[in-house]
Amino acid sequence: MKTNKIELDMSSEAIALRLQTVSELRRTTLTLAKSDVARAIRKKNPNNPISKRVALALGEISPGEEL
């Protein structure tokens, strides 16, 4: 099986752009997670592992605590 080698731009400009993109994506994701719809979903499905992980990331619950 032949694998293709990916060329990755490691210049400081490219790294800075990737870091900025990741930061924007994180901010957008957290904004969506804090929305009323997301809160309603977490309230409706408190035992869902993803709901618990999001609530923990947002500080709505402490580690080991239930919703």
Protein backbone atom coordinates (compact mmCIF):
# COMPACT_ATOMS: atom_id res chain seq x y z
CA MET A 1 0.00 0.00 0.00
CA LYS A 2 1.45 3.34 -1.02
CA THR A 3 0.95 6.34 1.25
CA ASN A 4 0.99 9.92 0.08
CA LYS A 5 3.16 12.32 1.99
CA ILE A 6 1.42 15.57 2.88
CA GLU A 7 3.42 18.76 2.69
CA LEU A 8 2.64 20.99 5.66
CA ASP A 9 3.53 24.66 5.65
CA MET A 10 5.34 25.34 8.92
CA SER A 11 6.12 29.00 8.30
CA SER A 12 5.28 31.37 11.15
CA GLU A 13 2.54 32.99 9.04
CA ALA A 14 0.88 29.64 8.31
CA ILE A 15 1.06 28.57 11.95
CA ALA A 16 -0.40 31.89 13.09
CA LEU A 17 -3.27 31.52 10.61
CA ARG A 18 -4.02 27.97 11.81
CA LEU A 19 -3.99 29.11 15.44
CA GLN A 20 -6.35 31.99 14.62
CA THR A 21 -8.70 29.63 12.77
CA VAL A 22 -8.74 27.18 15.69
CA SER A 23 -9.43 30.03 18.12
CA GLU A 24 -12.35 31.27 16.03
CA LEU A 25 -13.78 27.75 15.73
CA ARG A 26 -13.49 27.22 19.50
CA ARG A 27 -15.23 30.53 20.22
CA THR A 28 -18.03 29.69 17.77
CA THR A 29 -18.47 26.21 19.23
CA LEU A 30 -18.68 27.56 22.79
CA THR A 31 -21.19 30.21 21.70
CA LEU A 32 -23.39 27.52 20.16
CA ALA A 33 -23.06 25.35 23.27
CA LYS A 34 -24.26 28.25 25.44
CA SER A 35 -27.37 28.83 23.32
CA ASP A 36 -30.88 28.28 24.67
CA VAL A 37 -31.42 25.36 22.29
CA ALA A 38 -28.27 23.63 23.51
CA ARG A 39 -29.30 24.18 27.14
CA ALA A 40 -32.71 22.66 26.43
CA ILE A 41 -31.07 19.62 24.82
CA ARG A 42 -28.76 19.14 27.82
CA LYS A 43 -31.72 19.48 30.19
CA LYS A 44 -33.77 16.98 28.17
CA ASN A 45 -30.89 14.46 27.95
CA PRO A 46 -28.93 14.86 31.21
CA ASN A 47 -27.47 11.34 31.11
CA ASN A 48 -26.07 11.70 27.61
CA PRO A 49 -22.24 11.60 27.82
CA ILE A 50 -21.89 14.46 25.34
CA SER A 51 -24.37 16.59 27.31
CA LYS A 52 -22.35 15.94 30.45
CA ARG A 53 -19.07 16.79 28.72
CA VAL A 54 -20.47 20.08 27.38
CA ALA A 55 -21.95 21.01 30.76
CA LEU A 56 -18.61 20.28 32.39
CA ALA A 57 -16.72 22.37 29.80
CA LEU A 58 -19.10 25.28 30.36
CA GLY A 59 -18.79 25.02 34.13
CA GLU A 60 -22.44 24.09 34.61
CA ILE A 61 -21.45 21.01 36.61
CA SER A 62 -18.37 19.91 38.55
CA PRO A 63 -16.44 16.72 37.75
CA GLY A 64 -18.45 13.72 38.95
CA GLU A 65 -21.62 15.78 39.39
CA GLU A 66 -24.88 14.96 37.64
CA LEU A 67 -26.97 17.54 35.78
